[in-house]
Amino acid sequence: MLEGTSDSIQSISDALAFGNRSYFYTCFRKQMGISPSEYRKKYGKL
């Protein structure tokens, strides 16, 4: 979703049923080693 859409990170977090954006950031960073916004800058196609 971060790569293929221009949806906000908040919208993506909500769509994935995270309680809040902060928790999504924490989980994403733990798994990927970078923040969602860093990931989008690096790998986003839009």
N, C-alpha and C. Protein backbone atom coordinates (compact mmCIF):
# COMPACT_ATOMS: atom_id res chain seq x y z
N MET A 1 0.83 -1.20 0.00
CA MET A 1 0.00 0.00 0.00
C MET A 1 0.87 1.26 0.00
N LEU A 2 1.99 1.21 0.67
CA LEU A 2 2.88 2.37 0.69
C LEU A 2 3.53 2.58 -0.67
N GLU A 3 3.77 1.50 -1.39
CA GLU A 3 4.41 1.60 -2.70
C GLU A 3 3.44 2.02 -3.80
N GLY A 4 2.24 1.50 -3.76
CA GLY A 4 1.36 1.64 -4.91
C GLY A 4 0.22 2.63 -4.80
N THR A 5 0.10 3.32 -3.66
CA THR A 5 -0.96 4.31 -3.53
C THR A 5 -0.39 5.60 -2.98
N SER A 6 -1.16 6.65 -3.12
CA SER A 6 -0.77 7.93 -2.51
C SER A 6 -1.60 8.18 -1.25
N ASP A 7 -2.28 7.14 -0.77
CA ASP A 7 -3.06 7.27 0.46
C ASP A 7 -2.15 7.69 1.61
N SER A 8 -2.71 8.45 2.52
CA SER A 8 -1.92 8.88 3.67
C SER A 8 -1.56 7.67 4.54
N ILE A 9 -0.52 7.84 5.31
CA ILE A 9 -0.10 6.77 6.21
C ILE A 9 -1.19 6.51 7.24
N GLN A 10 -1.90 7.55 7.64
CA GLN A 10 -3.03 7.39 8.57
C GLN A 10 -4.11 6.51 7.93
N SER A 11 -4.43 6.76 6.68
CA SER A 11 -5.45 5.97 5.97
C SER A 11 -5.02 4.51 5.86
N ILE A 12 -3.75 4.29 5.56
CA ILE A 12 -3.24 2.93 5.45
C ILE A 12 -3.30 2.24 6.81
N SER A 13 -2.90 2.95 7.84
CA SER A 13 -2.97 2.42 9.20
C SER A 13 -4.40 2.03 9.57
N ASP A 14 -5.35 2.89 9.24
CA ASP A 14 -6.76 2.60 9.51
C ASP A 14 -7.25 1.39 8.70
N ALA A 15 -6.86 1.32 7.44
CA ALA A 15 -7.29 0.22 6.58
C ALA A 15 -6.75 -1.12 7.07
N LEU A 16 -5.60 -1.09 7.71
CA LEU A 16 -4.99 -2.31 8.22
C LEU A 16 -5.40 -2.60 9.66
N ALA A 17 -6.33 -1.81 10.17
CA ALA A 17 -6.94 -2.00 11.50
C ALA A 17 -5.95 -1.84 12.67
N PHE A 18 -4.96 -0.96 12.49
CA PHE A 18 -4.11 -0.61 13.62
C PHE A 18 -4.87 0.37 14.50
N GLY A 19 -4.62 0.33 15.80
CA GLY A 19 -5.32 1.20 16.73
C GLY A 19 -5.05 2.68 16.49
N ASN A 20 -3.81 2.98 16.12
CA ASN A 20 -3.45 4.36 15.80
C ASN A 20 -2.19 4.37 14.94
N ARG A 21 -1.90 5.53 14.39
CA ARG A 21 -0.77 5.64 13.48
C ARG A 21 0.56 5.37 14.19
N SER A 22 0.66 5.80 15.42
CA SER A 22 1.89 5.60 16.18
C SER A 22 2.23 4.12 16.32
N TYR A 23 1.23 3.31 16.61
CA TYR A 23 1.44 1.87 16.74
C TYR A 23 1.84 1.27 15.39
N PHE A 24 1.21 1.73 14.32
CA PHE A 24 1.58 1.27 12.97
C PHE A 24 3.05 1.60 12.70
N TYR A 25 3.47 2.84 12.99
CA TYR A 25 4.86 3.23 12.80
C TYR A 25 5.80 2.31 13.57
N THR A 26 5.47 2.06 14.83
CA THR A 26 6.31 1.23 15.69
C THR A 26 6.45 -0.18 15.12
N CYS A 27 5.33 -0.79 14.75
CA CYS A 27 5.35 -2.14 14.18
C CYS A 27 6.09 -2.18 12.85
N PHE A 28 5.85 -1.20 12.01
CA PHE A 28 6.48 -1.15 10.70
C PHE A 28 7.99 -1.01 10.84
N ARG A 29 8.43 -0.09 11.69
CA ARG A 29 9.85 0.13 11.89
C ARG A 29 10.54 -1.12 12.46
N LYS A 30 9.84 -1.81 13.36
CA LYS A 30 10.40 -3.03 13.95
C LYS A 30 10.61 -4.10 12.86
N GLN A 31 9.66 -4.24 11.95
CA GLN A 31 9.75 -5.25 10.90
C GLN A 31 10.71 -4.86 9.77
N MET A 32 10.65 -3.59 9.35
CA MET A 32 11.36 -3.17 8.15
C MET A 32 12.67 -2.43 8.43
N GLY A 33 12.84 -1.91 9.62
CA GLY A 33 14.06 -1.19 9.95
C GLY A 33 14.05 0.28 9.58
N ILE A 34 12.98 0.72 8.92
CA ILE A 34 12.81 2.13 8.57
C ILE A 34 11.34 2.50 8.78
N SER A 35 11.07 3.79 8.84
CA SER A 35 9.70 4.25 9.04
C SER A 35 8.89 4.09 7.76
N PRO A 36 7.56 4.10 7.88
CA PRO A 36 6.72 4.03 6.67
C PRO A 36 7.01 5.15 5.68
N SER A 37 7.24 6.36 6.17
CA SER A 37 7.52 7.48 5.25
C SER A 37 8.87 7.31 4.56
N GLU A 38 9.87 6.80 5.27
CA GLU A 38 11.16 6.51 4.65
C GLU A 38 11.02 5.42 3.59
N TYR A 39 10.22 4.40 3.91
CA TYR A 39 9.97 3.31 2.97
C TYR A 39 9.31 3.85 1.70
N ARG A 40 8.32 4.69 1.87
CA ARG A 40 7.60 5.25 0.71
C ARG A 40 8.55 6.08 -0.15
N LYS A 41 9.40 6.88 0.46
CA LYS A 41 10.36 7.68 -0.31
C LYS A 41 11.31 6.79 -1.10
N LYS A 42 11.73 5.70 -0.48
CA LYS A 42 12.71 4.81 -1.10
C LYS A 42 12.10 3.91 -2.17
N TYR A 43 10.91 3.37 -1.92
CA TYR A 43 10.33 2.35 -2.79
C TYR A 43 9.04 2.76 -3.51
N GLY A 44 8.50 3.90 -3.17
CA GLY A 44 7.23 4.31 -3.77
C GLY A 44 7.36 4.56 -5.26
N LYS A 45 6.31 4.22 -5.97
CA LYS A 45 6.31 4.36 -7.41
C LYS A 45 5.52 5.58 -7.86
N LEU A 46 4.85 6.24 -6.94
CA LEU A 46 4.03 7.40 -7.31
C LEU A 46 4.78 8.69 -7.10
